[in-house]
Amino acid sequence: VGSSPGDTELTPHQEQPAAEDSAFISIQAFPALLDLPQDLEVSKVSCGSRHTAIVTRGGELYTWGWGKYGQLGHGDNASSDQPRRVEYLVAEGLQAEEVVCGPWTTYVCVLE
């Protein structure tokens, strides 16, 4: 089967839709400073292979990073570069006490 050189070339216009469909997440192999709201005091932190979770002194859970398998706990598979509070725990009146991240999982010990 023959093909012309033009059949295999991608133009920037053709590449653009793919870039819009998937969010770019900065996964870094080195520590980076992160801004959190000033009223948050972190009591626990855990890192997975591509995501991070923190527990605040007030018992809230925040997660960010790669979320393909739902490991961020936001009810979807979205990824995020910014910490997001896990609203499910708030809605259920649960306080996070401990958090442990695995490669594609997040385990949380909660208090009712």
C-alpha atoms as a PDB file:
ATOM      1  CA  VAL A   1       0.000   0.000   0.000  1.00  0.00           C
ATOM      2  CA  GLY A   2       1.511   3.268  -1.062  1.00  0.00           C
ATOM      3  CA  SER A   3       1.021   6.639   0.551  1.00  0.00           C
ATOM      4  CA  SER A   4       2.150  10.122  -0.190  1.00  0.00           C
ATOM      5  CA  PRO A   5       4.242  12.092   2.310  1.00  0.00           C
ATOM      6  CA  GLY A   6       1.266  14.396   2.933  1.00  0.00           C
ATOM      7  CA  ASP A   7      -0.819  11.476   4.271  1.00  0.00           C
ATOM      8  CA  THR A   8       1.389  10.983   7.338  1.00  0.00           C
ATOM      9  CA  GLU A   9       2.079  14.610   8.257  1.00  0.00           C
ATOM     10  CA  LEU A  10       0.167  16.297  11.048  1.00  0.00           C
ATOM     11  CA  THR A  11      -0.462  19.984  10.901  1.00  0.00           C
ATOM     12  CA  PRO A  12      -0.684  22.114  14.051  1.00  0.00           C
ATOM     13  CA  HIS A  13      -4.406  22.592  13.293  1.00  0.00           C
ATOM     14  CA  GLN A  14      -4.998  18.808  13.437  1.00  0.00           C
ATOM     15  CA  GLU A  15      -3.048  18.457  16.716  1.00  0.00           C
ATOM     16  CA  GLN A  16      -4.933  21.241  18.517  1.00  0.00           C
ATOM     17  CA  PRO A  17      -8.241  19.416  19.228  1.00  0.00           C
ATOM     18  CA  ALA A  18      -6.402  16.613  21.054  1.00  0.00           C
ATOM     19  CA  ALA A  19      -4.647  19.180  23.251  1.00  0.00           C
ATOM     20  CA  GLU A  20      -7.983  20.811  24.126  1.00  0.00           C
ATOM     21  CA  ASP A  21      -9.623  17.473  25.015  1.00  0.00           C
ATOM     22  CA  SER A  22      -7.065  16.473  27.643  1.00  0.00           C
ATOM     23  CA  ALA A  23      -5.901  18.684  30.485  1.00  0.00           C
ATOM     24  CA  PHE A  24      -2.169  19.147  30.888  1.00  0.00           C
ATOM     25  CA  ILE A  25      -1.055  18.195  34.385  1.00  0.00           C
ATOM     26  CA  SER A  26       2.393  19.129  35.563  1.00  0.00           C
ATOM     27  CA  ILE A  27       3.852  15.963  37.095  1.00  0.00           C
ATOM     28  CA  GLN A  28       7.179  16.827  38.625  1.00  0.00           C
ATOM     29  CA  ALA A  29       9.838  14.543  40.027  1.00  0.00           C
ATOM     30  CA  PHE A  30      11.089  17.231  42.411  1.00  0.00           C
ATOM     31  CA  PRO A  31       9.548  19.182  45.314  1.00  0.00           C
ATOM     32  CA  ALA A  32       7.672  22.357  44.445  1.00  0.00           C
ATOM     33  CA  LEU A  33       6.116  25.071  46.598  1.00  0.00           C
ATOM     34  CA  LEU A  34       2.342  25.045  46.639  1.00  0.00           C
ATOM     35  CA  ASP A  35      -0.015  27.822  47.666  1.00  0.00           C
ATOM     36  CA  LEU A  36      -2.846  26.753  49.948  1.00  0.00           C
ATOM     37  CA  PRO A  37      -5.538  29.002  51.390  1.00  0.00           C
ATOM     38  CA  GLN A  38      -4.063  30.809  54.408  1.00  0.00           C
ATOM     39  CA  ASP A  39      -6.511  29.352  56.916  1.00  0.00           C
ATOM     40  CA  LEU A  40      -5.480  25.743  56.152  1.00  0.00           C
ATOM     41  CA  GLU A  41      -3.081  24.039  58.535  1.00  0.00           C
ATOM     42  CA  VAL A  42      -1.801  20.730  57.174  1.00  0.00           C
ATOM     43  CA  SER A  43      -1.533  17.880  59.665  1.00  0.00           C
ATOM     44  CA  LYS A  44      -0.910  14.894  57.336  1.00  0.00           C
ATOM     45  CA  VAL A  45       0.402  14.461  53.813  1.00  0.00           C
ATOM     46  CA  SER A  46       0.821  11.460  51.523  1.00  0.00           C
ATOM     47  CA  CYS A  47       2.076  11.066  47.971  1.00  0.00           C
ATOM     48  CA  GLY A  48       1.103   8.444  45.415  1.00  0.00           C
ATOM     49  CA  SER A  49       2.980   7.837  42.197  1.00  0.00           C
ATOM     50  CA  ARG A  50       1.274  10.809  40.498  1.00  0.00           C
ATOM     51  CA  HIS A  51      -1.025  12.371  43.080  1.00  0.00           C
ATOM     52  CA  THR A  52      -0.859  13.974  46.517  1.00  0.00           C
ATOM     53  CA  ALA A  53      -3.300  14.240  49.412  1.00  0.00           C
ATOM     54  CA  ILE A  54      -3.324  16.311  52.589  1.00  0.00           C
ATOM     55  CA  VAL A  55      -5.441  16.284  55.720  1.00  0.00           C
ATOM     56  CA  THR A  56      -5.966  19.601  57.474  1.00  0.00           C
ATOM     57  CA  ARG A  57      -6.130  20.119  61.235  1.00  0.00           C
ATOM     58  CA  GLY A  58      -9.858  20.684  60.741  1.00  0.00           C
ATOM     59  CA  GLY A  59     -10.285  17.204  59.190  1.00  0.00           C
ATOM     60  CA  GLU A  60     -10.682  18.223  55.554  1.00  0.00           C
ATOM     61  CA  LEU A  61      -9.107  16.213  52.749  1.00  0.00           C
ATOM     62  CA  TYR A  62      -7.535  17.940  49.737  1.00  0.00           C
ATOM     63  CA  THR A  63      -6.130  16.071  46.732  1.00  0.00           C
ATOM     64  CA  TRP A  64      -4.441  16.946  43.442  1.00  0.00           C
ATOM     65  CA  GLY A  65      -2.423  15.399  40.620  1.00  0.00           C
ATOM     66  CA  TRP A  66      -3.309  12.648  38.172  1.00  0.00           C
ATOM     67  CA  GLY A  67      -6.862  11.362  38.653  1.00  0.00           C
ATOM     68  CA  LYS A  68      -7.401   8.861  35.844  1.00  0.00           C
ATOM     69  CA  TYR A  69      -8.604   6.103  38.189  1.00  0.00           C
ATOM     70  CA  GLY A  70     -10.687   8.309  40.495  1.00  0.00           C
ATOM     71  CA  GLN A  71      -7.970   8.302  43.154  1.00  0.00           C
ATOM     72  CA  LEU A  72      -8.512  12.007  43.894  1.00  0.00           C
ATOM     73  CA  GLY A  73     -11.955  11.270  45.343  1.00  0.00           C
ATOM     74  CA  HIS A  74     -13.907  13.949  43.480  1.00  0.00           C
ATOM     75  CA  GLY A  75     -16.376  11.555  41.834  1.00  0.00           C
ATOM     76  CA  ASP A  76     -14.704  11.794  38.430  1.00  0.00           C
ATOM     77  CA  ASN A  77     -11.471  10.916  36.638  1.00  0.00           C
ATOM     78  CA  ALA A  78     -10.297  14.501  36.216  1.00  0.00           C
ATOM     79  CA  SER A  79      -6.741  15.532  37.023  1.00  0.00           C
ATOM     80  CA  SER A  80      -5.858  18.786  38.746  1.00  0.00           C
ATOM     81  CA  ASP A  81      -2.702  20.810  39.385  1.00  0.00           C
ATOM     82  CA  GLN A  82      -4.476  22.662  42.206  1.00  0.00           C
ATOM     83  CA  PRO A  83      -5.558  21.170  45.550  1.00  0.00           C
ATOM     84  CA  ARG A  84      -9.308  20.513  45.659  1.00  0.00           C
ATOM     85  CA  ARG A  85     -11.282  19.706  48.789  1.00  0.00           C
ATOM     86  CA  VAL A  86     -12.986  16.308  48.698  1.00  0.00           C
ATOM     87  CA  GLU A  87     -16.584  17.470  49.065  1.00  0.00           C
ATOM     88  CA  TYR A  88     -18.009  13.990  49.667  1.00  0.00           C
ATOM     89  CA  LEU A  89     -16.522  13.914  53.172  1.00  0.00           C
ATOM     90  CA  VAL A  90     -17.956  17.346  53.971  1.00  0.00           C
ATOM     91  CA  ALA A  91     -21.415  16.371  52.658  1.00  0.00           C
ATOM     92  CA  GLU A  92     -21.422  13.191  54.774  1.00  0.00           C
ATOM     93  CA  GLY A  93     -20.230  14.993  57.928  1.00  0.00           C
ATOM     94  CA  LEU A  94     -16.986  12.995  58.032  1.00  0.00           C
ATOM     95  CA  GLN A  95     -13.614  14.265  59.213  1.00  0.00           C
ATOM     96  CA  ALA A  96     -10.441  12.876  57.695  1.00  0.00           C
ATOM     97  CA  GLU A  97      -7.933  11.707  60.289  1.00  0.00           C
ATOM     98  CA  GLU A  98      -5.296   9.893  58.220  1.00  0.00           C
ATOM     99  CA  VAL A  99      -4.499   9.544  54.511  1.00  0.00           C
ATOM    100  CA  VAL A 100      -2.277   7.076  52.656  1.00  0.00           C
ATOM    101  CA  CYS A 101      -1.779   7.242  48.897  1.00  0.00           C
ATOM    102  CA  GLY A 102      -0.838   4.200  46.842  1.00  0.00           C
ATOM    103  CA  PRO A 103       0.167   4.057  43.173  1.00  0.00           C
ATOM    104  CA  TRP A 104      -3.431   4.598  41.918  1.00  0.00           C
ATOM    105  CA  THR A 105      -5.373   4.715  45.180  1.00  0.00           C
ATOM    106  CA  THR A 106      -6.060   6.917  48.195  1.00  0.00           C
ATOM    107  CA  TYR A 107      -7.042   5.444  51.575  1.00  0.00           C
ATOM    108  CA  VAL A 108      -8.624   7.734  54.148  1.00  0.00           C
ATOM    109  CA  CYS A 109      -9.404   7.045  57.798  1.00  0.00           C
ATOM    110  CA  VAL A 110     -12.395   9.175  58.826  1.00  0.00           C
ATOM    111  CA  LEU A 111     -14.262  10.071  62.002  1.00  0.00           C
ATOM    112  CA  GLU A 112     -18.044  10.437  62.070  1.00  0.00           C
END
